[in-house]
N, C-alpha and C. Protein backbone atom coordinates (compact mmCIF):
# COMPACT_ATOMS: atom_id res chain seq x y z
N MET A 1 -15.42 8.00 -9.61
CA MET A 1 -15.09 6.53 -9.92
C MET A 1 -13.47 6.25 -9.83
N HIS A 2 -13.19 7.09 -10.36
CA HIS A 2 -11.23 7.34 -10.20
C HIS A 2 -10.50 7.02 -9.11
N ALA A 3 -11.34 7.98 -8.17
CA ALA A 3 -10.65 8.13 -6.81
C ALA A 3 -10.93 6.81 -6.26
N ALA A 4 -11.96 5.92 -6.19
CA ALA A 4 -12.36 4.79 -5.79
C ALA A 4 -11.44 3.96 -5.93
N VAL A 5 -11.03 3.55 -7.58
CA VAL A 5 -10.03 2.68 -8.05
C VAL A 5 -8.60 2.93 -7.30
N VAL A 6 -8.21 4.30 -7.68
CA VAL A 6 -7.10 4.57 -6.91
C VAL A 6 -7.13 4.24 -5.60
N PHE A 7 -7.83 4.57 -4.88
CA PHE A 7 -8.01 4.11 -3.52
C PHE A 7 -7.93 2.70 -3.25
N LEU A 8 -8.45 1.77 -4.03
CA LEU A 8 -8.71 0.47 -3.78
C LEU A 8 -7.35 -0.29 -3.67
N THR A 9 -6.69 0.20 -4.87
CA THR A 9 -5.62 -0.19 -5.49
C THR A 9 -4.68 0.05 -4.55
N ALA A 10 -4.33 1.08 -3.88
CA ALA A 10 -3.46 1.69 -3.04
C ALA A 10 -3.36 0.88 -1.60
N VAL A 11 -4.68 0.29 -0.90
CA VAL A 11 -5.04 -0.19 -0.08
C VAL A 11 -4.58 -1.72 -0.45
N ILE A 12 -4.67 -2.47 -1.81
CA ILE A 12 -4.32 -3.91 -2.06
C ILE A 12 -2.79 -3.88 -1.88
N ILE A 13 -2.07 -2.65 -2.50
CA ILE A 13 -0.77 -2.61 -2.19
C ILE A 13 -0.17 -2.43 -0.94
N GLY A 14 -0.63 -1.59 -0.17
CA GLY A 14 -0.12 -1.71 0.93
C GLY A 14 -0.53 -2.82 1.77
N LEU A 15 -1.47 -3.52 1.73
CA LEU A 15 -2.15 -4.91 2.42
C LEU A 15 -0.60 -5.83 2.13
N VAL A 16 -0.28 -5.89 0.81
CA VAL A 16 0.44 -6.95 0.14
C VAL A 16 2.12 -6.68 0.66
N MET A 17 2.13 -5.71 0.84
CA MET A 17 3.47 -4.99 1.68
C MET A 17 3.75 -5.26 2.93
N GLY A 18 2.57 -5.20 3.33
CA GLY A 18 2.90 -5.03 4.81
C GLY A 18 2.72 -6.75 5.13
N GLY A 19 2.01 -7.16 4.77
CA GLY A 19 2.09 -8.99 4.69
C GLY A 19 3.29 -9.73 4.40
N LEU A 20 3.81 -9.03 3.47
CA LEU A 20 5.19 -9.48 2.98
C LEU A 20 6.52 -9.21 3.93
N THR A 21 6.29 -7.79 4.57
CA THR A 21 7.39 -7.41 5.42
C THR A 21 6.92 -8.19 6.85
N PHE A 22 5.92 -9.09 7.03
CA PHE A 22 5.54 -9.20 8.59
C PHE A 22 6.24 -10.77 8.46
N LEU A 23 5.56 -11.51 7.14
CA LEU A 23 6.10 -12.94 6.72
C LEU A 23 7.45 -12.90 6.79
N HIS A 24 8.28 -11.68 6.69
CA HIS A 24 9.59 -11.62 6.66
C HIS A 24 10.25 -11.53 7.94
N ASP A 25 9.79 -10.38 8.64
CA ASP A 25 10.56 -10.06 9.63
C ASP A 25 9.94 -10.83 11.05
N LYS A 26 8.43 -10.86 10.89
CA LYS A 26 7.91 -11.38 11.92
C LYS A 26 7.67 -10.36 13.10
N CYS A 27 7.74 -8.85 12.43
CA CYS A 27 7.56 -8.15 13.48
C CYS A 27 6.64 -7.06 12.97
N VAL A 28 5.24 -6.72 13.86
CA VAL A 28 4.39 -6.37 13.46
C VAL A 28 4.32 -4.38 13.01
N PRO A 29 5.14 -3.59 14.16
CA PRO A 29 5.15 -2.55 13.71
C PRO A 29 6.03 -2.21 12.12
N ALA A 30 6.91 -3.02 11.98
CA ALA A 30 7.68 -2.98 10.79
C ALA A 30 6.69 -3.29 9.69
N ALA A 31 5.88 -4.29 9.82
CA ALA A 31 4.80 -4.51 8.71
C ALA A 31 3.77 -3.44 8.86
N VAL A 32 3.44 -2.92 9.75
CA VAL A 32 2.31 -1.73 9.66
C VAL A 32 2.82 -0.32 8.89
N ALA A 33 4.44 -0.26 9.15
CA ALA A 33 5.05 1.05 8.76
C ALA A 33 5.29 0.50 7.14
N ALA A 34 5.71 -0.95 7.02
CA ALA A 34 5.70 -0.81 5.56
C ALA A 34 4.51 -0.73 4.75
N GLY A 35 3.50 -1.19 5.04
CA GLY A 35 2.01 -0.82 4.49
C GLY A 35 1.58 0.62 4.48
N LEU A 36 1.71 1.29 5.63
CA LEU A 36 1.46 2.62 5.44
C LEU A 36 2.16 3.53 4.47
N GLY A 37 3.94 3.06 4.52
CA GLY A 37 4.46 3.71 3.79
C GLY A 37 4.20 3.58 2.32
N SER A 38 4.22 2.29 1.78
CA SER A 38 3.51 1.78 0.34
C SER A 38 2.65 2.45 0.02
N PHE A 39 1.27 2.30 0.97
CA PHE A 39 0.27 3.02 0.54
C PHE A 39 0.18 4.54 0.25
N GLY A 40 0.95 5.11 1.14
CA GLY A 40 1.03 6.40 1.09
C GLY A 40 1.84 7.12 -0.36
N ILE A 41 2.82 6.29 -0.75
CA ILE A 41 3.68 6.58 -1.94
C ILE A 41 2.73 6.08 -3.17
N SER A 42 1.79 5.20 -2.96
CA SER A 42 1.42 4.36 -4.36
C SER A 42 -0.04 5.70 -4.50
N VAL A 43 -0.70 6.00 -3.63
CA VAL A 43 -1.62 6.79 -4.14
C VAL A 43 -1.53 7.94 -4.99
N PRO A 44 -0.42 8.68 -5.19
CA PRO A 44 -0.04 10.15 -5.86
C PRO A 44 0.30 9.40 -7.41
N VAL A 45 1.36 8.17 -7.13
CA VAL A 45 1.66 7.36 -8.43
C VAL A 45 0.45 6.76 -9.12
N LEU A 46 -0.08 6.19 -8.80
CA LEU A 46 -1.42 5.54 -9.10
C LEU A 46 -2.28 6.48 -9.72
N HIS A 47 -2.79 7.93 -9.05
CA HIS A 47 -3.28 8.83 -9.64
C HIS A 47 -3.16 9.46 -10.82
N LYS A 48 -1.61 9.67 -11.14
CA LYS A 48 -0.98 9.80 -12.47
C LYS A 48 -1.34 8.79 -13.44
N LEU A 49 -1.06 7.55 -13.03
CA LEU A 49 -0.96 6.54 -14.16
C LEU A 49 -2.34 6.12 -14.43
N ILE A 50 -3.30 6.29 -13.42
CA ILE A 50 -4.70 5.59 -14.06
C ILE A 50 -5.51 6.98 -14.28
N GLY A 51 -4.77 7.98 -14.00
CA GLY A 51 -5.64 9.08 -14.40
C GLY A 51 -5.37 9.40 -15.92
């Protein structure tokens, strides 16, 4: 259950960051990079915070 909460929260953070980047720059590659980057960074942090 813990892993599912961390993963789902990280996915939501990645989608929000990617969406906001797309709305700001209108550039799909930058939005994808921002979404994947924030997803990757947030997983270990959330694992420590929620755990």
